[in-house]
């Protein structure tokens, strides 16, 4: 919908919250905890949105700029194996024109994804503005259940700095849908249910939680642990 700006000028989703404890499509549960949808909505409604539209072996990379200011940026992309080995990569400086969807790159991986390549590779795109990474996407070319995922060997560290407590999660191998929780505690994180490409680190902060909650008790899972 965001890539179709001009024909579609807005979206709504149902529903925001639950009025009693129940399993439902709401994005916030009865206790005020964010479900996966709420974290995804926070990302897919960003005013400057990075998205990838994948085909069988092709991909188009878009940046939708819903602000009134053009943005100078760099798009770094890499086709990677699930262990982080780079198969092909590139870097593209561009201007994200304001109030417009911007087609940044058209990529063809017909050769690289031949055979079992589609089950073993993902496309990682990073949006860099002013030298800082502003967004990252991970795009597979098959359904997640068909990826040849291996143990991401997630390394988790906790600490605090001048901005408060934080959790650092590093993936040795590609991790899909990284999920964090602190048992018996209602916590809202700065991000959750996110993809973490091999060799990358995500720094996440608990932004709402009760006094006395021990952040070092955090538990971290990914799609791999589900099967």
C-alpha atoms as a PDB file:
ATOM      1  CA  UNK A   1       0.000   0.000   0.000  1.00  0.00           C
ATOM      2  CA  UNK A   2       2.780   2.449   0.790  1.00  0.00           C
ATOM      3  CA  UNK A   3       4.516   1.698  -2.515  1.00  0.00           C
ATOM      4  CA  UNK A   4       1.218   2.489  -4.264  1.00  0.00           C
ATOM      5  CA  UNK A   5       1.146   6.071  -3.016  1.00  0.00           C
ATOM      6  CA  UNK A   6      -1.119   8.197  -5.175  1.00  0.00           C
ATOM      7  CA  UNK A   7      -3.677   5.444  -5.672  1.00  0.00           C
ATOM      8  CA  UNK A   8      -3.755   4.516  -1.998  1.00  0.00           C
ATOM      9  CA  UNK A   9      -3.457   7.458   0.382  1.00  0.00           C
ATOM     10  CA  UNK A  10      -3.955   5.710   3.697  1.00  0.00           C
ATOM     11  CA  UNK A  11      -4.637   2.457   5.533  1.00  0.00           C
ATOM     12  CA  UNK A  12      -6.336   1.282   8.704  1.00  0.00           C
ATOM     13  CA  UNK A  13      -6.078  -2.081  10.410  1.00  0.00           C
ATOM     14  CA  UNK A  14      -8.449  -3.905  12.731  1.00  0.00           C
ATOM     15  CA  UNK A  15      -7.991  -4.011  15.659  1.00  0.00           C
ATOM     16  CA  UNK A  16      -5.918  -2.055  18.163  1.00  0.00           C
ATOM     17  CA  UNK A  17      -6.611  -3.624  21.558  1.00  0.00           C
ATOM     18  CA  UNK A  18      -8.434  -6.405  23.395  1.00  0.00           C
ATOM     19  CA  UNK A  19     -11.118  -5.590  25.966  1.00  0.00           C
ATOM     20  CA  UNK A  20     -10.659  -8.919  27.779  1.00  0.00           C
ATOM     21  CA  UNK A  21      -7.937 -11.612  27.901  1.00  0.00           C
ATOM     22  CA  UNK A  22      -8.322 -13.517  24.631  1.00  0.00           C
ATOM     23  CA  UNK A  23      -6.393 -14.759  21.597  1.00  0.00           C
ATOM     24  CA  UNK A  24      -7.303 -12.383  18.762  1.00  0.00           C
ATOM     25  CA  UNK A  25      -6.040 -10.246  15.885  1.00  0.00           C
ATOM     26  CA  UNK A  26      -5.605  -7.175  18.144  1.00  0.00           C
ATOM     27  CA  UNK A  27      -2.175  -5.546  18.186  1.00  0.00           C
ATOM     28  CA  UNK A  28      -2.216  -4.773  21.939  1.00  0.00           C
ATOM     29  CA  UNK A  29      -3.443  -7.330  24.464  1.00  0.00           C
ATOM     30  CA  UNK A  30      -5.747  -6.800  27.455  1.00  0.00           C
ATOM     31  CA  UNK A  31      -2.778  -6.112  29.757  1.00  0.00           C
ATOM     32  CA  UNK A  32      -1.339  -3.432  27.445  1.00  0.00           C
ATOM     33  CA  UNK A  33       1.466  -5.597  26.083  1.00  0.00           C
ATOM     34  CA  UNK A  34       2.400  -5.165  22.438  1.00  0.00           C
ATOM     35  CA  UNK A  35       1.821  -8.168  20.187  1.00  0.00           C
ATOM     36  CA  UNK A  36       3.804  -8.742  16.995  1.00  0.00           C
ATOM     37  CA  UNK A  37       1.426  -6.595  14.913  1.00  0.00           C
ATOM     38  CA  UNK A  38       2.048  -3.504  17.043  1.00  0.00           C
ATOM     39  CA  UNK A  39       5.807  -3.722  16.495  1.00  0.00           C
ATOM     40  CA  UNK A  40       5.293  -4.323  12.773  1.00  0.00           C
ATOM     41  CA  UNK A  41       2.884  -1.367  12.566  1.00  0.00           C
ATOM     42  CA  UNK A  42       5.477   0.867  14.218  1.00  0.00           C
ATOM     43  CA  UNK A  43       7.812  -0.065  11.373  1.00  0.00           C
ATOM     44  CA  UNK A  44       5.439  -0.085   8.401  1.00  0.00           C
ATOM     45  CA  UNK A  45       4.040   3.343   9.288  1.00  0.00           C
ATOM     46  CA  UNK A  46       7.459   5.028   9.488  1.00  0.00           C
ATOM     47  CA  UNK A  47       7.320   8.304   7.476  1.00  0.00           C
ATOM     48  CA  UNK A  48      10.466   7.191   5.618  1.00  0.00           C
ATOM     49  CA  UNK A  49       9.840   3.545   4.752  1.00  0.00           C
ATOM     50  CA  UNK A  50      12.232   1.010   3.248  1.00  0.00           C
ATOM     51  CA  UNK A  51      10.515  -1.932   1.510  1.00  0.00           C
ATOM     52  CA  UNK A  52      11.449  -4.702  -0.899  1.00  0.00           C
ATOM     53  CA  UNK A  53       9.113  -6.296  -3.444  1.00  0.00           C
ATOM     54  CA  UNK A  54      10.470  -9.747  -4.290  1.00  0.00           C
ATOM     55  CA  UNK A  55       9.755 -11.976  -7.289  1.00  0.00           C
ATOM     56  CA  UNK A  56      10.935 -15.496  -7.989  1.00  0.00           C
ATOM     57  CA  UNK A  57      14.561 -14.400  -8.365  1.00  0.00           C
ATOM     58  CA  UNK A  58      14.253 -10.600  -8.608  1.00  0.00           C
ATOM     59  CA  UNK A  59      13.709  -7.734  -6.209  1.00  0.00           C
ATOM     60  CA  UNK A  60      12.848  -4.054  -6.414  1.00  0.00           C
ATOM     61  CA  UNK A  61      13.937  -1.835  -3.533  1.00  0.00           C
ATOM     62  CA  UNK A  62      11.756   1.146  -2.625  1.00  0.00           C
ATOM     63  CA  UNK A  63      11.921   4.045  -0.200  1.00  0.00           C
ATOM     64  CA  UNK A  64       8.593   5.770   0.403  1.00  0.00           C
ATOM     65  CA  UNK A  65       9.086   9.311   1.658  1.00  0.00           C
ATOM     66  CA  UNK A  66       5.870  10.683   3.162  1.00  0.00           C
ATOM     67  CA  UNK A  67       7.600  13.765   4.563  1.00  0.00           C
ATOM     68  CA  UNK A  68       7.730  17.136   2.824  1.00  0.00           C
ATOM     69  CA  UNK A  69      11.552  17.156   2.693  1.00  0.00           C
ATOM     70  CA  UNK A  70      13.776  15.350   0.126  1.00  0.00           C
ATOM     71  CA  UNK A  71      16.299  13.083   1.821  1.00  0.00           C
ATOM     72  CA  UNK A  72      19.821  12.251   0.633  1.00  0.00           C
ATOM     73  CA  UNK A  73      20.542   8.626   1.437  1.00  0.00           C
ATOM     74  CA  UNK A  74      22.550   5.529   0.556  1.00  0.00           C
ATOM     75  CA  UNK A  75      21.121   2.070  -0.059  1.00  0.00           C
ATOM     76  CA  UNK A  76      23.466  -0.801   0.812  1.00  0.00           C
ATOM     77  CA  UNK A  77      22.280  -4.226  -0.307  1.00  0.00           C
ATOM     78  CA  UNK A  78      23.752  -7.704  -0.146  1.00  0.00           C
ATOM     79  CA  UNK A  79      22.547 -11.126  -1.186  1.00  0.00           C
ATOM     80  CA  UNK A  80      23.766 -13.332   1.658  1.00  0.00           C
ATOM     81  CA  UNK A  81      23.776 -16.959   2.616  1.00  0.00           C
ATOM     82  CA  UNK A  82      22.162 -17.719   5.952  1.00  0.00           C
ATOM     83  CA  UNK A  83      25.608 -17.907   7.589  1.00  0.00           C
ATOM     84  CA  UNK A  84      26.384 -14.355   6.456  1.00  0.00           C
ATOM     85  CA  UNK A  85      28.579 -15.191   3.455  1.00  0.00           C
ATOM     86  CA  UNK A  86      28.037 -12.428   0.892  1.00  0.00           C
ATOM     87  CA  UNK A  87      27.147 -13.710  -2.574  1.00  0.00           C
ATOM     88  CA  UNK A  88      26.642 -10.333  -4.247  1.00  0.00           C
ATOM     89  CA  UNK A  89      26.416  -6.761  -2.982  1.00  0.00           C
ATOM     90  CA  UNK A  90      26.189  -3.130  -3.975  1.00  0.00           C
ATOM     91  CA  UNK A  91      25.769   0.435  -2.719  1.00  0.00           C
ATOM     92  CA  UNK A  92      23.573   3.105  -4.299  1.00  0.00           C
ATOM     93  CA  UNK A  93      23.433   6.799  -3.320  1.00  0.00           C
ATOM     94  CA  UNK A  94      20.054   8.365  -4.130  1.00  0.00           C
ATOM     95  CA  UNK A  95      17.617  11.150  -3.272  1.00  0.00           C
ATOM     96  CA  UNK A  96      14.330  10.125  -1.692  1.00  0.00           C
ATOM     97  CA  UNK A  97      11.963  12.649  -3.262  1.00  0.00           C
ATOM     98  CA  UNK A  98       9.384  13.996  -0.811  1.00  0.00           C
ATOM     99  CA  UNK A  99       5.769  12.791  -0.828  1.00  0.00           C
ATOM    100  CA  UNK A 100       6.603  10.002  -3.251  1.00  0.00           C
ATOM    101  CA  UNK A 101       7.509   6.335  -3.491  1.00  0.00           C
ATOM    102  CA  UNK A 102      11.060   6.122  -4.823  1.00  0.00           C
ATOM    103  CA  UNK A 103      12.245   3.100  -6.798  1.00  0.00           C
ATOM    104  CA  UNK A 104      15.870   2.782  -5.714  1.00  0.00           C
ATOM    105  CA  UNK A 105      17.056  -0.462  -7.329  1.00  0.00           C
ATOM    106  CA  UNK A 106      15.956  -3.309  -9.580  1.00  0.00           C
ATOM    107  CA  UNK A 107      17.973  -6.434  -8.794  1.00  0.00           C
ATOM    108  CA  UNK A 108      18.181  -9.749 -10.638  1.00  0.00           C
ATOM    109  CA  UNK A 109      19.584 -12.846  -8.907  1.00  0.00           C
ATOM    110  CA  UNK A 110      18.579 -15.473 -11.463  1.00  0.00           C
ATOM    111  CA  UNK A 111      22.074 -16.979 -11.541  1.00  0.00           C
ATOM    112  CA  UNK A 112      22.801 -16.714  -7.806  1.00  0.00           C
ATOM    113  CA  UNK A 113      19.469 -18.252  -6.728  1.00  0.00           C
ATOM    114  CA  UNK A 114      19.542 -21.206  -9.111  1.00  0.00           C
ATOM    115  CA  UNK A 115      19.041 -24.680  -7.626  1.00  0.00           C
ATOM    116  CA  UNK A 116      18.699 -24.523  -3.843  1.00  0.00           C
ATOM    117  CA  UNK A 117      19.927 -20.932  -3.740  1.00  0.00           C
ATOM    118  CA  UNK A 118      16.483 -19.582  -2.878  1.00  0.00           C
ATOM    119  CA  UNK A 119      16.377 -21.727   0.265  1.00  0.00           C
ATOM    120  CA  UNK A 120      19.866 -20.699   1.343  1.00  0.00           C
ATOM    121  CA  UNK A 121      19.967 -16.951   0.660  1.00  0.00           C
ATOM    122  CA  UNK A 122      18.262 -13.750   1.776  1.00  0.00           C
ATOM    123  CA  UNK A 123      18.497 -10.169   0.546  1.00  0.00           C
ATOM    124  CA  UNK A 124      19.600  -7.666   3.195  1.00  0.00           C
ATOM    125  CA  UNK A 125      19.017  -3.952   2.521  1.00  0.00           C
ATOM    126  CA  UNK A 126      20.160  -1.099   4.735  1.00  0.00           C
ATOM    127  CA  UNK A 127      19.046   2.529   4.490  1.00  0.00           C
ATOM    128  CA  UNK A 128      21.813   4.901   5.580  1.00  0.00           C
ATOM    129  CA  UNK A 129      21.216   8.622   6.129  1.00  0.00           C
ATOM    130  CA  UNK A 130      23.959  10.961   7.278  1.00  0.00           C
ATOM    131  CA  UNK A 131      26.234   7.998   7.955  1.00  0.00           C
ATOM    132  CA  UNK A 132      23.722   6.376  10.335  1.00  0.00           C
ATOM    133  CA  UNK A 133      21.716   3.226   9.622  1.00  0.00           C
ATOM    134  CA  UNK A 134      18.037   4.160   9.709  1.00  0.00           C
ATOM    135  CA  UNK A 135      16.385   0.930   8.564  1.00  0.00           C
ATOM    136  CA  UNK A 136      17.195  -2.647   7.617  1.00  0.00           C
ATOM    137  CA  UNK A 137      15.137  -5.293   5.825  1.00  0.00           C
ATOM    138  CA  UNK A 138      15.666  -9.004   5.338  1.00  0.00           C
ATOM    139  CA  UNK A 139      13.879 -10.545   2.351  1.00  0.00           C
ATOM    140  CA  UNK A 140      13.735 -14.291   1.597  1.00  0.00           C
ATOM    141  CA  UNK A 141      12.723 -15.628  -1.817  1.00  0.00           C
ATOM    142  CA  UNK A 142      10.749 -18.565  -0.407  1.00  0.00           C
ATOM    143  CA  UNK A 143       8.322 -18.869   2.528  1.00  0.00           C
ATOM    144  CA  UNK A 144      10.169 -18.879   5.840  1.00  0.00           C
ATOM    145  CA  UNK A 145       9.309 -22.554   6.428  1.00  0.00           C
ATOM    146  CA  UNK A 146      11.313 -23.432   3.294  1.00  0.00           C
ATOM    147  CA  UNK A 147      14.480 -21.602   4.343  1.00  0.00           C
ATOM    148  CA  UNK A 148      17.306 -23.916   5.408  1.00  0.00           C
ATOM    149  CA  UNK A 149      17.607 -22.149   8.751  1.00  0.00           C
ATOM    150  CA  UNK A 150      20.287 -23.222  11.204  1.00  0.00           C
ATOM    151  CA  UNK A 151      20.724 -22.297  14.846  1.00  0.00           C
ATOM    152  CA  UNK A 152      21.317 -18.504  14.819  1.00  0.00           C
ATOM    153  CA  UNK A 153      23.343 -18.876  18.042  1.00  0.00           C
ATOM    154  CA  UNK A 154      21.938 -15.674  19.480  1.00  0.00           C
ATOM    155  CA  UNK A 155      24.259 -13.933  21.923  1.00  0.00           C
ATOM    156  CA  UNK A 156      22.479 -11.725  24.451  1.00  0.00           C
ATOM    157  CA  UNK A 157      24.027  -9.029  26.623  1.00  0.00           C
ATOM    158  CA  UNK A 158      22.358  -6.524  28.933  1.00  0.00           C
ATOM    159  CA  UNK A 159      23.622  -3.269  30.337  1.00  0.00           C
ATOM    160  CA  UNK A 160      22.829   0.390  30.895  1.00  0.00           C
ATOM    161  CA  UNK A 161      24.126   3.740  29.702  1.00  0.00           C
ATOM    162  CA  UNK A 162      23.125   7.392  29.934  1.00  0.00           C
ATOM    163  CA  UNK A 163      19.850   6.553  28.160  1.00  0.00           C
ATOM    164  CA  UNK A 164      18.903   3.688  30.460  1.00  0.00           C
ATOM    165  CA  UNK A 165      18.836  -0.094  30.241  1.00  0.00           C
ATOM    166  CA  UNK A 166      19.456  -1.916  26.973  1.00  0.00           C
ATOM    167  CA  UNK A 167      19.636  -5.405  25.523  1.00  0.00           C
ATOM    168  CA  UNK A 168      22.084  -6.303  22.755  1.00  0.00           C
ATOM    169  CA  UNK A 169      21.291  -9.321  20.580  1.00  0.00           C
ATOM    170  CA  UNK A 170      23.878 -10.625  18.101  1.00  0.00           C
ATOM    171  CA  UNK A 171      23.182 -13.370  15.561  1.00  0.00           C
ATOM    172  CA  UNK A 172      25.955 -15.628  14.308  1.00  0.00           C
ATOM    173  CA  UNK A 173      23.598 -16.949  11.620  1.00  0.00           C
ATOM    174  CA  UNK A 174      20.465 -15.381  10.172  1.00  0.00           C
ATOM    175  CA  UNK A 175      17.600 -15.144  12.677  1.00  0.00           C
ATOM    176  CA  UNK A 176      14.007 -14.577  11.625  1.00  0.00           C
ATOM    177  CA  UNK A 177      11.437 -12.961  13.916  1.00  0.00           C
ATOM    178  CA  UNK A 178      13.592 -12.470  17.004  1.00  0.00           C
ATOM    179  CA  UNK A 179      11.310 -12.335  20.030  1.00  0.00           C
ATOM    180  CA  UNK A 180      12.210 -11.102  23.512  1.00  0.00           C
ATOM    181  CA  UNK A 181      10.341 -11.495  26.764  1.00  0.00           C
ATOM    182  CA  UNK A 182      10.967 -11.213  30.477  1.00  0.00           C
ATOM    183  CA  UNK A 183       9.042 -13.966  32.275  1.00  0.00           C
ATOM    184  CA  UNK A 184       6.224 -12.796  34.550  1.00  0.00           C
ATOM    185  CA  UNK A 185       6.792  -9.168  33.556  1.00  0.00           C
ATOM    186  CA  UNK A 186       4.778  -6.880  31.289  1.00  0.00           C
ATOM    187  CA  UNK A 187       7.402  -5.128  29.163  1.00  0.00           C
ATOM    188  CA  UNK A 188       7.181  -3.040  26.001  1.00  0.00           C
ATOM    189  CA  UNK A 189      10.437  -2.966  24.032  1.00  0.00           C
ATOM    190  CA  UNK A 190      11.678  -0.401  21.518  1.00  0.00           C
ATOM    191  CA  UNK A 191      11.491  -3.227  18.962  1.00  0.00           C
ATOM    192  CA  UNK A 192      10.561  -6.888  18.927  1.00  0.00           C
ATOM    193  CA  UNK A 193       9.706  -9.654  16.449  1.00  0.00           C
ATOM    194  CA  UNK A 194      12.473  -8.373  14.158  1.00  0.00           C
ATOM    195  CA  UNK A 195      14.805 -10.055  11.658  1.00  0.00           C
ATOM    196  CA  UNK A 196      18.507 -10.113  12.457  1.00  0.00           C
ATOM    197  CA  UNK A 197      20.884 -10.936   9.574  1.00  0.00           C
ATOM    198  CA  UNK A 198      24.001 -12.970  10.304  1.00  0.00           C
ATOM    199  CA  UNK A 199      26.779 -11.052  12.023  1.00  0.00           C
ATOM    200  CA  UNK A 200      24.581  -8.095  13.005  1.00  0.00           C
ATOM    201  CA  UNK A 201      23.713  -6.737  16.431  1.00  0.00           C
ATOM    202  CA  UNK A 202      20.448  -5.120  17.497  1.00  0.00           C
ATOM    203  CA  UNK A 203      20.362  -2.778  20.488  1.00  0.00           C
ATOM    204  CA  UNK A 204      16.908  -2.814  22.052  1.00  0.00           C
ATOM    205  CA  UNK A 205      15.618  -0.846  25.013  1.00  0.00           C
ATOM    206  CA  UNK A 206      12.751  -1.664  27.384  1.00  0.00           C
ATOM    207  CA  UNK A 207      10.621   1.459  27.143  1.00  0.00           C
ATOM    208  CA  UNK A 208       7.810   0.535  29.537  1.00  0.00           C
ATOM    209  CA  UNK A 209       8.074  -1.817  32.486  1.00  0.00           C
ATOM    210  CA  UNK A 210       7.372  -1.946  36.201  1.00  0.00           C
ATOM    211  CA  UNK A 211       9.906  -0.997  38.851  1.00  0.00           C
ATOM    212  CA  UNK A 212      11.933  -3.933  40.046  1.00  0.00           C
ATOM    213  CA  UNK A 213      11.896  -5.855  36.751  1.00  0.00           C
ATOM    214  CA  UNK A 214      15.313  -7.444  36.178  1.00  0.00           C
ATOM    215  CA  UNK A 215      16.285  -6.887  32.530  1.00  0.00           C
ATOM    216  CA  UNK A 216      19.023  -9.527  32.815  1.00  0.00           C
ATOM    217  CA  UNK A 217      16.262 -12.166  32.966  1.00  0.00           C
ATOM    218  CA  UNK A 218      15.344 -11.508  29.335  1.00  0.00           C
ATOM    219  CA  UNK A 219      14.766 -14.555  27.155  1.00  0.00           C
ATOM    220  CA  UNK A 220      15.313 -14.399  23.418  1.00  0.00           C
ATOM    221  CA  UNK A 221      13.925 -16.723  20.760  1.00  0.00           C
ATOM    222  CA  UNK A 222      13.654 -16.838  16.973  1.00  0.00           C
ATOM    223  CA  UNK A 223      11.748 -18.807  14.340  1.00  0.00           C
ATOM    224  CA  UNK A 224      14.412 -21.528  14.506  1.00  0.00           C
ATOM    225  CA  UNK A 225      13.511 -22.366  18.097  1.00  0.00           C
ATOM    226  CA  UNK A 226       9.880 -22.969  17.080  1.00  0.00           C
ATOM    227  CA  UNK A 227      10.747 -26.200  15.283  1.00  0.00           C
END
